[in-house]
Amino acid sequence: MKGSNLGEFQEVVLLSILILDDEAYGLKIQKELSTRLKRTLSRGALHTALSRLEEKGFITSHTGGATAERGGRRKRYYTLTNTGKESLKQARELREEMWSLVPKLSLS
């Protein structure tokens, strides 16, 4: 497994895959992220992140069946591995721990 660090963008990609569940494929993930992040997201940036997450062992992918609506092309679906879920859990715990240590100051 290559590196176990989880970057912020990788974290939101993993969360999007969890949100989309059985419908987690490239275009749907891209739309989910664009909506949540309120910015345009390039297909290249997403596919780079997905490739890196797969190299790290955080996700697996498989191709679905070909469909006429896609001109016979198949969709690649993504699923979190147990390693990916554990990495997300650790990232959340670290953020919550650090936020709990911030003095009671107004952040606005």
PDB file of N, CA and C in Angstrom:
ATOM      1  N   MET A   1       0.853  -1.172   0.000  1.00  0.00           N
ATOM      2  CA  MET A   1       0.000   0.000   0.000  1.00  0.00           C
ATOM      3  C   MET A   1       0.894   1.228   0.000  1.00  0.00           C
ATOM      4  N   LYS A   2       0.617   2.164  -0.870  1.00  0.00           N
ATOM      5  CA  LYS A   2       1.378   3.397  -0.997  1.00  0.00           C
ATOM      6  C   LYS A   2       0.853   4.433  -0.015  1.00  0.00           C
ATOM      7  N   GLY A   3       1.712   4.954   0.866  1.00  0.00           N
ATOM      8  CA  GLY A   3       1.335   6.029   1.783  1.00  0.00           C
ATOM      9  C   GLY A   3      -0.050   5.898   2.398  1.00  0.00           C
ATOM     10  N   SER A   4      -0.164   6.269   3.649  1.00  0.00           N
ATOM     11  CA  SER A   4      -1.473   6.158   4.293  1.00  0.00           C
ATOM     12  C   SER A   4      -2.061   7.515   4.636  1.00  0.00           C
ATOM     13  N   ASN A   5      -1.371   8.599   4.264  1.00  0.00           N
ATOM     14  CA  ASN A   5      -1.904   9.925   4.540  1.00  0.00           C
ATOM     15  C   ASN A   5      -3.102  10.216   3.652  1.00  0.00           C
ATOM     16  N   LEU A   6      -4.065  10.901   4.217  1.00  0.00           N
ATOM     17  CA  LEU A   6      -5.287  11.231   3.505  1.00  0.00           C
ATOM     18  C   LEU A   6      -5.380  12.749   3.381  1.00  0.00           C
ATOM     19  N   GLY A   7      -5.308  13.260   2.148  1.00  0.00           N
ATOM     20  CA  GLY A   7      -5.435  14.689   1.921  1.00  0.00           C
ATOM     21  C   GLY A   7      -6.882  15.128   2.016  1.00  0.00           C
ATOM     22  N   GLU A   8      -7.086  16.439   2.146  1.00  0.00           N
ATOM     23  CA  GLU A   8      -8.443  16.981   2.292  1.00  0.00           C
ATOM     24  C   GLU A   8      -9.328  16.611   1.100  1.00  0.00           C
ATOM     25  N   PHE A   9      -8.813  16.773  -0.118  1.00  0.00           N
ATOM     26  CA  PHE A   9      -9.611  16.445  -1.297  1.00  0.00           C
ATOM     27  C   PHE A   9      -9.905  14.949  -1.347  1.00  0.00           C
ATOM     28  N   GLN A  10      -8.912  14.139  -1.017  1.00  0.00           N
ATOM     29  CA  GLN A  10      -9.127  12.698  -0.992  1.00  0.00           C
ATOM     30  C   GLN A  10     -10.204  12.326   0.034  1.00  0.00           C
ATOM     31  N   GLU A  11     -10.200  13.033   1.152  1.00  0.00           N
ATOM     32  CA  GLU A  11     -11.206  12.785   2.188  1.00  0.00           C
ATOM     33  C   GLU A  11     -12.616  13.048   1.656  1.00  0.00           C
ATOM     34  N   VAL A  12     -12.818  14.167   0.956  1.00  0.00           N
ATOM     35  CA  VAL A  12     -14.158  14.462   0.448  1.00  0.00           C
ATOM     36  C   VAL A  12     -14.543  13.517  -0.691  1.00  0.00           C
ATOM     37  N   VAL A  13     -13.560  13.031  -1.441  1.00  0.00           N
ATOM     38  CA  VAL A  13     -13.858  12.034  -2.480  1.00  0.00           C
ATOM     39  C   VAL A  13     -14.356  10.747  -1.814  1.00  0.00           C
ATOM     40  N   LEU A  14     -13.680  10.305  -0.763  1.00  0.00           N
ATOM     41  CA  LEU A  14     -14.120   9.100  -0.049  1.00  0.00           C
ATOM     42  C   LEU A  14     -15.518   9.286   0.534  1.00  0.00           C
ATOM     43  N   LEU A  15     -15.759  10.450   1.119  1.00  0.00           N
ATOM     44  CA  LEU A  15     -17.085  10.718   1.682  1.00  0.00           C
ATOM     45  C   LEU A  15     -18.160  10.697   0.588  1.00  0.00           C
ATOM     46  N   SER A  16     -17.849  11.230  -0.573  1.00  0.00           N
ATOM     47  CA  SER A  16     -18.804  11.215  -1.691  1.00  0.00           C
ATOM     48  C   SER A  16     -19.121   9.795  -2.131  1.00  0.00           C
ATOM     49  N   ILE A  17     -18.109   8.948  -2.154  1.00  0.00           N
ATOM     50  CA  ILE A  17     -18.331   7.542  -2.517  1.00  0.00           C
ATOM     51  C   ILE A  17     -19.272   6.889  -1.507  1.00  0.00           C
ATOM     52  N   LEU A  18     -19.066   7.180  -0.235  1.00  0.00           N
ATOM     53  CA  LEU A  18     -19.970   6.631   0.789  1.00  0.00           C
ATOM     54  C   LEU A  18     -21.388   7.150   0.616  1.00  0.00           C
ATOM     55  N   ILE A  19     -21.524   8.437   0.337  1.00  0.00           N
ATOM     56  CA  ILE A  19     -22.846   9.043   0.160  1.00  0.00           C
ATOM     57  C   ILE A  19     -23.571   8.402  -1.017  1.00  0.00           C
ATOM     58  N   LEU A  20     -22.856   8.216  -2.130  1.00  0.00           N
ATOM     59  CA  LEU A  20     -23.478   7.696  -3.356  1.00  0.00           C
ATOM     60  C   LEU A  20     -23.701   6.188  -3.323  1.00  0.00           C
ATOM     61  N   ASP A  21     -22.990   5.484  -2.463  1.00  0.00           N
ATOM     62  CA  ASP A  21     -23.159   4.045  -2.266  1.00  0.00           C
ATOM     63  C   ASP A  21     -23.044   3.278  -3.594  1.00  0.00           C
ATOM     64  N   ASP A  22     -24.091   2.598  -4.028  1.00  0.00           N
ATOM     65  CA  ASP A  22     -24.038   1.771  -5.238  1.00  0.00           C
ATOM     66  C   ASP A  22     -24.002   2.588  -6.526  1.00  0.00           C
ATOM     67  N   GLU A  23     -24.180   3.885  -6.439  1.00  0.00           N
ATOM     68  CA  GLU A  23     -24.163   4.764  -7.621  1.00  0.00           C
ATOM     69  C   GLU A  23     -22.877   5.582  -7.697  1.00  0.00           C
ATOM     70  N   ALA A  24     -21.816   5.130  -7.024  1.00  0.00           N
ATOM     71  CA  ALA A  24     -20.555   5.878  -6.984  1.00  0.00           C
ATOM     72  C   ALA A  24     -19.700   5.569  -8.213  1.00  0.00           C
ATOM     73  N   TYR A  25     -19.954   6.321  -9.274  1.00  0.00           N
ATOM     74  CA  TYR A  25     -19.124   6.227 -10.476  1.00  0.00           C
ATOM     75  C   TYR A  25     -18.694   7.648 -10.846  1.00  0.00           C
ATOM     76  N   GLY A  26     -17.719   7.757 -11.735  1.00  0.00           N
ATOM     77  CA  GLY A  26     -17.056   9.022 -12.042  1.00  0.00           C
ATOM     78  C   GLY A  26     -17.928  10.256 -12.130  1.00  0.00           C
ATOM     79  N   LEU A  27     -18.878  10.259 -13.059  1.00  0.00           N
ATOM     80  CA  LEU A  27     -19.700  11.448 -13.281  1.00  0.00           C
ATOM     81  C   LEU A  27     -20.541  11.795 -12.054  1.00  0.00           C
ATOM     82  N   LYS A  28     -21.110  10.794 -11.400  1.00  0.00           N
ATOM     83  CA  LYS A  28     -21.926  11.053 -10.198  1.00  0.00           C
ATOM     84  C   LYS A  28     -21.063  11.617  -9.073  1.00  0.00           C
ATOM     85  N   ILE A  29     -19.857  11.069  -8.917  1.00  0.00           N
ATOM     86  CA  ILE A  29     -18.951  11.571  -7.879  1.00  0.00           C
ATOM     87  C   ILE A  29     -18.579  13.019  -8.193  1.00  0.00           C
ATOM     88  N   GLN A  30     -18.276  13.298  -9.455  1.00  0.00           N
ATOM     89  CA  GLN A  30     -17.924  14.649  -9.878  1.00  0.00           C
ATOM     90  C   GLN A  30     -19.055  15.629  -9.579  1.00  0.00           C
ATOM     91  N   LYS A  31     -20.292  15.249  -9.893  1.00  0.00           N
ATOM     92  CA  LYS A  31     -21.447  16.124  -9.629  1.00  0.00           C
ATOM     93  C   LYS A  31     -21.658  16.320  -8.134  1.00  0.00           C
ATOM     94  N   GLU A  32     -21.538  15.250  -7.357  1.00  0.00           N
ATOM     95  CA  GLU A  32     -21.701  15.335  -5.900  1.00  0.00           C
ATOM     96  C   GLU A  32     -20.679  16.308  -5.311  1.00  0.00           C
ATOM     97  N   LEU A  33     -19.433  16.164  -5.722  1.00  0.00           N
ATOM     98  CA  LEU A  33     -18.383  17.039  -5.202  1.00  0.00           C
ATOM     99  C   LEU A  33     -18.591  18.485  -5.634  1.00  0.00           C
ATOM    100  N   SER A  34     -18.945  18.693  -6.885  1.00  0.00           N
ATOM    101  CA  SER A  34     -19.170  20.058  -7.377  1.00  0.00           C
ATOM    102  C   SER A  34     -20.282  20.737  -6.597  1.00  0.00           C
ATOM    103  N   THR A  35     -21.342  19.987  -6.298  1.00  0.00           N
ATOM    104  CA  THR A  35     -22.463  20.521  -5.522  1.00  0.00           C
ATOM    105  C   THR A  35     -22.032  20.842  -4.096  1.00  0.00           C
ATOM    106  N   ARG A  36     -21.371  19.905  -3.456  1.00  0.00           N
ATOM    107  CA  ARG A  36     -20.977  20.090  -2.053  1.00  0.00           C
ATOM    108  C   ARG A  36     -19.902  21.158  -1.885  1.00  0.00           C
ATOM    109  N   LEU A  37     -18.931  21.173  -2.802  1.00  0.00           N
ATOM    110  CA  LEU A  37     -17.815  22.109  -2.690  1.00  0.00           C
ATOM    111  C   LEU A  37     -18.120  23.475  -3.304  1.00  0.00           C
ATOM    112  N   LYS A  38     -19.250  23.533  -4.030  1.00  0.00           N
ATOM    113  CA  LYS A  38     -19.685  24.770  -4.684  1.00  0.00           C
ATOM    114  C   LYS A  38     -18.601  25.333  -5.603  1.00  0.00           C
ATOM    115  N   ARG A  39     -18.033  24.438  -6.417  1.00  0.00           N
ATOM    116  CA  ARG A  39     -17.035  24.842  -7.411  1.00  0.00           C
ATOM    117  C   ARG A  39     -16.985  23.794  -8.513  1.00  0.00           C
ATOM    118  N   THR A  40     -16.471  24.199  -9.647  1.00  0.00           N
ATOM    119  CA  THR A  40     -16.328  23.285 -10.770  1.00  0.00           C
ATOM    120  C   THR A  40     -15.142  22.372 -10.513  1.00  0.00           C
ATOM    121  N   LEU A  41     -15.323  21.115 -10.800  1.00  0.00           N
ATOM    122  CA  LEU A  41     -14.289  20.123 -10.568  1.00  0.00           C
ATOM    123  C   LEU A  41     -13.974  19.436 -11.888  1.00  0.00           C
ATOM    124  N   SER A  42     -12.720  19.419 -12.274  1.00  0.00           N
ATOM    125  CA  SER A  42     -12.352  18.789 -13.543  1.00  0.00           C
ATOM    126  C   SER A  42     -12.361  17.267 -13.400  1.00  0.00           C
ATOM    127  N   ARG A  43     -12.664  16.626 -14.502  1.00  0.00           N
ATOM    128  CA  ARG A  43     -12.671  15.167 -14.530  1.00  0.00           C
ATOM    129  C   ARG A  43     -11.267  14.630 -14.245  1.00  0.00           C
ATOM    130  N   GLY A  44     -10.253  15.338 -14.766  1.00  0.00           N
ATOM    131  CA  GLY A  44      -8.869  14.910 -14.560  1.00  0.00           C
ATOM    132  C   GLY A  44      -8.455  14.914 -13.096  1.00  0.00           C
ATOM    133  N   ALA A  45      -8.843  15.976 -12.385  1.00  0.00           N
ATOM    134  CA  ALA A  45      -8.513  16.069 -10.953  1.00  0.00           C
ATOM    135  C   ALA A  45      -9.165  14.925 -10.182  1.00  0.00           C
ATOM    136  N   LEU A  46     -10.418  14.631 -10.522  1.00  0.00           N
ATOM    137  CA  LEU A  46     -11.118  13.547  -9.844  1.00  0.00           C
ATOM    138  C   LEU A  46     -10.455  12.205 -10.141  1.00  0.00           C
ATOM    139  N   HIS A  47     -10.156  11.954 -11.404  1.00  0.00           N
ATOM    140  CA  HIS A  47      -9.576  10.652 -11.755  1.00  0.00           C
ATOM    141  C   HIS A  47      -8.179  10.471 -11.169  1.00  0.00           C
ATOM    142  N   THR A  48      -7.433  11.566 -11.037  1.00  0.00           N
ATOM    143  CA  THR A  48      -6.130  11.492 -10.368  1.00  0.00           C
ATOM    144  C   THR A  48      -6.324  11.073  -8.913  1.00  0.00           C
ATOM    145  N   ALA A  49      -7.276  11.707  -8.237  1.00  0.00           N
ATOM    146  CA  ALA A  49      -7.552  11.377  -6.835  1.00  0.00           C
ATOM    147  C   ALA A  49      -8.023   9.932  -6.699  1.00  0.00           C
ATOM    148  N   LEU A  50      -8.921   9.504  -7.588  1.00  0.00           N
ATOM    149  CA  LEU A  50      -9.421   8.129  -7.526  1.00  0.00           C
ATOM    150  C   LEU A  50      -8.291   7.119  -7.737  1.00  0.00           C
ATOM    151  N   SER A  51      -7.406   7.413  -8.675  1.00  0.00           N
ATOM    152  CA  SER A  51      -6.268   6.515  -8.930  1.00  0.00           C
ATOM    153  C   SER A  51      -5.366   6.422  -7.711  1.00  0.00           C
ATOM    154  N   ARG A  52      -5.093   7.556  -7.095  1.00  0.00           N
ATOM    155  CA  ARG A  52      -4.222   7.561  -5.907  1.00  0.00           C
ATOM    156  C   ARG A  52      -4.874   6.834  -4.738  1.00  0.00           C
ATOM    157  N   LEU A  53      -6.173   7.029  -4.576  1.00  0.00           N
ATOM    158  CA  LEU A  53      -6.874   6.337  -3.496  1.00  0.00           C
ATOM    159  C   LEU A  53      -6.866   4.823  -3.719  1.00  0.00           C
ATOM    160  N   GLU A  54      -6.968   4.423  -4.971  1.00  0.00           N
ATOM    161  CA  GLU A  54      -6.920   2.991  -5.274  1.00  0.00           C
ATOM    162  C   GLU A  54      -5.514   2.439  -5.031  1.00  0.00           C
ATOM    163  N   GLU A  55      -4.477   3.210  -5.401  1.00  0.00           N
ATOM    164  CA  GLU A  55      -3.097   2.795  -5.149  1.00  0.00           C
ATOM    165  C   GLU A  55      -2.829   2.636  -3.657  1.00  0.00           C
ATOM    166  N   LYS A  56      -3.427   3.507  -2.844  1.00  0.00           N
ATOM    167  CA  LYS A  56      -3.254   3.445  -1.391  1.00  0.00           C
ATOM    168  C   LYS A  56      -4.052   2.306  -0.763  1.00  0.00           C
ATOM    169  N   GLY A  57      -4.958   1.715  -1.531  1.00  0.00           N
ATOM    170  CA  GLY A  57      -5.776   0.629  -0.997  1.00  0.00           C
ATOM    171  C   GLY A  57      -7.017   1.113  -0.267  1.00  0.00           C
ATOM    172  N   PHE A  58      -7.384   2.400  -0.447  1.00  0.00           N
ATOM    173  CA  PHE A  58      -8.551   2.955   0.232  1.00  0.00           C
ATOM    174  C   PHE A  58      -9.854   2.670  -0.504  1.00  0.00           C
ATOM    175  N   ILE A  59      -9.764   2.429  -1.810  1.00  0.00           N
ATOM    176  CA  ILE A  59     -10.948   2.102  -2.607  1.00  0.00           C
ATOM    177  C   ILE A  59     -10.622   0.971  -3.574  1.00  0.00           C
ATOM    178  N   THR A  60     -11.666   0.311  -4.037  1.00  0.00           N
ATOM    179  CA  THR A  60     -11.554  -0.638  -5.140  1.00  0.00           C
ATOM    180  C   THR A  60     -12.538  -0.174  -6.208  1.00  0.00           C
ATOM    181  N   SER A  61     -12.340  -0.676  -7.411  1.00  0.00           N
ATOM    182  CA  SER A  61     -13.261  -0.308  -8.478  1.00  0.00           C
ATOM    183  C   SER A  61     -13.582  -1.532  -9.318  1.00  0.00           C
ATOM    184  N   HIS A  62     -14.729  -1.456  -9.969  1.00  0.00           N
ATOM    185  CA  HIS A  62     -15.125  -2.500 -10.915  1.00  0.00           C
ATOM    186  C   HIS A  62     -15.953  -1.847 -12.018  1.00  0.00           C
ATOM    187  N   THR A  63     -15.998  -2.485 -13.158  1.00  0.00           N
ATOM    188  CA  THR A  63     -16.791  -1.935 -14.259  1.00  0.00           C
ATOM    189  C   THR A  63     -18.153  -2.597 -14.286  1.00  0.00           C
ATOM    190  N   GLY A  64     -19.153  -1.777 -14.549  1.00  0.00           N
ATOM    191  CA  GLY A  64     -20.516  -2.270 -14.689  1.00  0.00           C
ATOM    192  C   GLY A  64     -20.742  -2.747 -16.116  1.00  0.00           C
ATOM    193  N   GLY A  65     -21.948  -3.160 -16.389  1.00  0.00           N
ATOM    194  CA  GLY A  65     -22.292  -3.621 -17.725  1.00  0.00           C
ATOM    195  C   GLY A  65     -22.402  -2.478 -18.715  1.00  0.00           C
ATOM    196  N   ALA A  66     -22.198  -2.786 -19.970  1.00  0.00           N
ATOM    197  CA  ALA A  66     -22.332  -1.792 -21.031  1.00  0.00           C
ATOM    198  C   ALA A  66     -23.807  -1.428 -21.209  1.00  0.00           C
ATOM    199  N   THR A  67     -24.052  -0.155 -21.515  1.00  0.00           N
ATOM    200  CA  THR A  67     -25.429   0.297 -21.724  1.00  0.00           C
ATOM    201  C   THR A  67     -25.537   1.013 -23.062  1.00  0.00           C
ATOM    202  N   ALA A  68     -26.701   0.897 -23.678  1.00  0.00           N
ATOM    203  CA  ALA A  68     -26.939   1.550 -24.964  1.00  0.00           C
ATOM    204  C   ALA A  68     -26.886   3.067 -24.820  1.00  0.00           C
ATOM    205  N   GLU A  69     -27.388   3.592 -23.688  1.00  0.00           N
ATOM    206  CA  GLU A  69     -27.399   5.044 -23.473  1.00  0.00           C
ATOM    207  C   GLU A  69     -25.994   5.633 -23.439  1.00  0.00           C
ATOM    208  N   ARG A  70     -24.997   4.827 -23.144  1.00  0.00           N
ATOM    209  CA  ARG A  70     -23.606   5.286 -23.107  1.00  0.00           C
ATOM    210  C   ARG A  70     -22.834   4.811 -24.341  1.00  0.00           C
ATOM    211  N   GLY A  71     -23.549   4.393 -25.358  1.00  0.00           N
ATOM    212  CA  GLY A  71     -22.900   3.955 -26.585  1.00  0.00           C
ATOM    213  C   GLY A  71     -22.090   2.685 -26.403  1.00  0.00           C
ATOM    214  N   GLY A  72     -22.543   1.837 -25.492  1.00  0.00           N
ATOM    215  CA  GLY A  72     -21.853   0.577 -25.236  1.00  0.00           C
ATOM    216  C   GLY A  72     -20.703   0.681 -24.244  1.00  0.00           C
ATOM    217  N   ARG A  73     -20.428   1.896 -23.759  1.00  0.00           N
ATOM    218  CA  ARG A  73     -19.346   2.061 -22.779  1.00  0.00           C
ATOM    219  C   ARG A  73     -19.827   1.642 -21.396  1.00  0.00           C
ATOM    220  N   ARG A  74     -18.864   1.227 -20.580  1.00  0.00           N
ATOM    221  CA  ARG A  74     -19.189   0.776 -19.226  1.00  0.00           C
ATOM    222  C   ARG A  74     -18.784   1.822 -18.191  1.00  0.00           C
ATOM    223  N   LYS A  75     -19.496   1.842 -17.079  1.00  0.00           N
ATOM    224  CA  LYS A  75     -19.167   2.750 -15.973  1.00  0.00           C
ATOM    225  C   LYS A  75     -18.217   2.035 -15.021  1.00  0.00           C
ATOM    226  N   ARG A  76     -17.305   2.806 -14.425  1.00  0.00           N
ATOM    227  CA  ARG A  76     -16.425   2.270 -13.389  1.00  0.00           C
ATOM    228  C   ARG A  76     -16.986   2.718 -12.043  1.00  0.00           C
ATOM    229  N   TYR A  77     -17.336   1.749 -11.208  1.00  0.00           N
ATOM    230  CA  TYR A  77     -17.911   2.006  -9.889  1.00  0.00           C
ATOM    231  C   TYR A  77     -16.839   1.870  -8.809  1.00  0.00           C
ATOM    232  N   TYR A  78     -16.961   2.691  -7.762  1.00  0.00           N
ATOM    233  CA  TYR A  78     -15.972   2.724  -6.687  1.00  0.00           C
ATOM    234  C   TYR A  78     -16.608   2.362  -5.350  1.00  0.00           C
ATOM    235  N   THR A  79     -15.824   1.670  -4.525  1.00  0.00           N
ATOM    236  CA  THR A  79     -16.266   1.233  -3.201  1.00  0.00           C
ATOM    237  C   THR A  79     -15.116   1.422  -2.223  1.00  0.00           C
ATOM    238  N   LEU A  80     -15.417   1.849  -1.012  1.00  0.00           N
ATOM    239  CA  LEU A  80     -14.381   1.971   0.012  1.00  0.00           C
ATOM    240  C   LEU A  80     -13.997   0.602   0.538  1.00  0.00           C
ATOM    241  N   THR A  81     -12.720   0.432   0.807  1.00  0.00           N
ATOM    242  CA  THR A  81     -12.229  -0.767   1.466  1.00  0.00           C
ATOM    243  C   THR A  81     -12.294  -0.526   2.971  1.00  0.00           C
ATOM    244  N   ASN A  82     -12.031  -1.549   3.751  1.00  0.00           N
ATOM    245  CA  ASN A  82     -11.975  -1.371   5.202  1.00  0.00           C
ATOM    246  C   ASN A  82     -10.853  -0.407   5.572  1.00  0.00           C
ATOM    247  N   THR A  83      -9.747  -0.450   4.825  1.00  0.00           N
ATOM    248  CA  THR A  83      -8.640   0.483   5.051  1.00  0.00           C
ATOM    249  C   THR A  83      -9.095   1.915   4.808  1.00  0.00           C
ATOM    250  N   GLY A  84      -9.875   2.133   3.748  1.00  0.00           N
ATOM    251  CA  GLY A  84     -10.397   3.458   3.447  1.00  0.00           C
ATOM    252  C   GLY A  84     -11.336   3.956   4.534  1.00  0.00           C
ATOM    253  N   LYS A  85     -12.192   3.073   5.014  1.00  0.00           N
ATOM    254  CA  LYS A  85     -13.121   3.451   6.092  1.00  0.00           C
ATOM    255  C   LYS A  85     -12.357   3.801   7.362  1.00  0.00           C
ATOM    256  N   GLU A  86     -11.323   3.022   7.675  1.00  0.00           N
ATOM    257  CA  GLU A  86     -10.524   3.278   8.867  1.00  0.00           C
ATOM    258  C   GLU A  86      -9.767   4.610   8.739  1.00  0.00           C
ATOM    259  N   SER A  87      -9.267   4.893   7.562  1.00  0.00           N
ATOM    260  CA  SER A  87      -8.565   6.150   7.322  1.00  0.00           C
ATOM    261  C   SER A  87      -9.499   7.346   7.526  1.00  0.00           C
ATOM    262  N   LEU A  88     -10.726   7.241   7.019  1.00  0.00           N
ATOM    263  CA  LEU A  88     -11.717   8.298   7.222  1.00  0.00           C
ATOM    264  C   LEU A  88     -12.032   8.472   8.709  1.00  0.00           C
ATOM    265  N   LYS A  89     -12.181   7.367   9.397  1.00  0.00           N
ATOM    266  CA  LYS A  89     -12.480   7.405  10.833  1.00  0.00           C
ATOM    267  C   LYS A  89     -11.360   8.125  11.588  1.00  0.00           C
ATOM    268  N   GLN A  90     -10.118   7.798  11.266  1.00  0.00           N
ATOM    269  CA  GLN A  90      -8.979   8.431  11.925  1.00  0.00           C
ATOM    270  C   GLN A  90      -8.911   9.925  11.611  1.00  0.00           C
ATOM    271  N   ALA A  91      -9.193  10.290  10.361  1.00  0.00           N
ATOM    272  CA  ALA A  91      -9.186  11.710   9.981  1.00  0.00           C
ATOM    273  C   ALA A  91     -10.248  12.475  10.770  1.00  0.00           C
ATOM    274  N   ARG A  92     -11.415  11.873  10.901  1.00  0.00           N
ATOM    275  CA  ARG A  92     -12.503  12.524  11.654  1.00  0.00           C
ATOM    276  C   ARG A  92     -12.133  12.679  13.123  1.00  0.00           C
ATOM    277  N   GLU A  93     -11.578  11.617  13.707  1.00  0.00           N
ATOM    278  CA  GLU A  93     -11.197  11.670  15.120  1.00  0.00           C
ATOM    279  C   GLU A  93     -10.137  12.733  15.363  1.00  0.00           C
ATOM    280  N   LEU A  94      -9.159  12.844  14.456  1.00  0.00           N
ATOM    281  CA  LEU A  94      -8.118  13.853  14.602  1.00  0.00           C
ATOM    282  C   LEU A  94      -8.707  15.256  14.533  1.00  0.00           C
ATOM    283  N   ARG A  95      -9.588  15.495  13.553  1.00  0.00           N
ATOM    284  CA  ARG A  95     -10.218  16.817  13.429  1.00  0.00           C
ATOM    285  C   ARG A  95     -11.032  17.149  14.681  1.00  0.00           C
ATOM    286  N   GLU A  96     -11.828  16.194  15.157  1.00  0.00           N
ATOM    287  CA  GLU A  96     -12.655  16.444  16.342  1.00  0.00           C
ATOM    288  C   GLU A  96     -11.790  16.712  17.571  1.00  0.00           C
ATOM    289  N   GLU A  97     -10.701  15.949  17.716  1.00  0.00           N
ATOM    290  CA  GLU A  97      -9.800  16.157  18.846  1.00  0.00           C
ATOM    291  C   GLU A  97      -9.180  17.555  18.788  1.00  0.00           C
ATOM    292  N   MET A  98      -8.720  17.939  17.621  1.00  0.00           N
ATOM    293  CA  MET A  98      -8.082  19.247  17.483  1.00  0.00           C
ATOM    294  C   MET A  98      -9.086  20.382  17.692  1.00  0.00           C
ATOM    295  N   TRP A  99     -10.310  20.242  17.158  1.00  0.00           N
ATOM    296  CA  TRP A  99     -11.337  21.266  17.357  1.00  0.00           C
ATOM    297  C   TRP A  99     -11.671  21.395  18.842  1.00  0.00           C
ATOM    298  N   SER A 100     -11.646  20.283  19.571  1.00  0.00           N
ATOM    299  CA  SER A 100     -11.972  20.341  21.000  1.00  0.00           C
ATOM    300  C   SER A 100     -10.913  21.095  21.789  1.00  0.00           C
ATOM    301  N   LEU A 101      -9.715  21.231  21.234  1.00  0.00           N
ATOM    302  CA  LEU A 101      -8.632  21.931  21.917  1.00  0.00           C
ATOM    303  C   LEU A 101      -8.558  23.417  21.581  1.00  0.00           C
ATOM    304  N   VAL A 102      -9.331  23.846  20.594  1.00  0.00           N
ATOM    305  CA  VAL A 102      -9.343  25.265  20.217  1.00  0.00           C
ATOM    306  C   VAL A 102     -10.002  26.054  21.327  1.00  0.00           C
ATOM    307  N   PRO A 103      -9.333  27.137  21.793  1.00  0.00           N
ATOM    308  CA  PRO A 103      -9.945  27.962  22.840  1.00  0.00           C
ATOM    309  C   PRO A 103     -11.296  28.513  22.370  1.00  0.00           C
ATOM    310  N   LYS A 104     -12.137  28.761  23.296  1.00  0.00           N
ATOM    311  CA  LYS A 104     -13.492  29.269  23.000  1.00  0.00           C
ATOM    312  C   LYS A 104     -13.410  30.693  22.479  1.00  0.00           C
ATOM    313  N   LEU A 105     -12.990  30.829  21.227  1.00  0.00           N
ATOM    314  CA  LEU A 105     -12.887  32.129  20.578  1.00  0.00           C
ATOM    315  C   LEU A 105     -13.915  32.212  19.480  1.00  0.00           C
ATOM    316  N   SER A 106     -14.320  33.407  19.173  1.00  0.00           N
ATOM    317  CA  SER A 106     -15.226  33.611  18.052  1.00  0.00           C
ATOM    318  C   SER A 106     -14.434  33.456  16.765  1.00  0.00           C
ATOM    319  N   LEU A 107     -14.899  32.593  15.875  1.00  0.00           N
ATOM    320  CA  LEU A 107     -14.225  32.372  14.606  1.00  0.00           C
ATOM    321  C   LEU A 107     -14.811  33.234  13.499  1.00  0.00           C
ATOM    322  N   SER A 108     -15.790  34.067  13.809  1.00  0.00           N
ATOM    323  CA  SER A 108     -16.409  34.894  12.760  1.00  0.00           C
ATOM    324  C   SER A 108     -15.738  36.231  12.606  1.00  0.00           C
TER     325      SER A 108
END
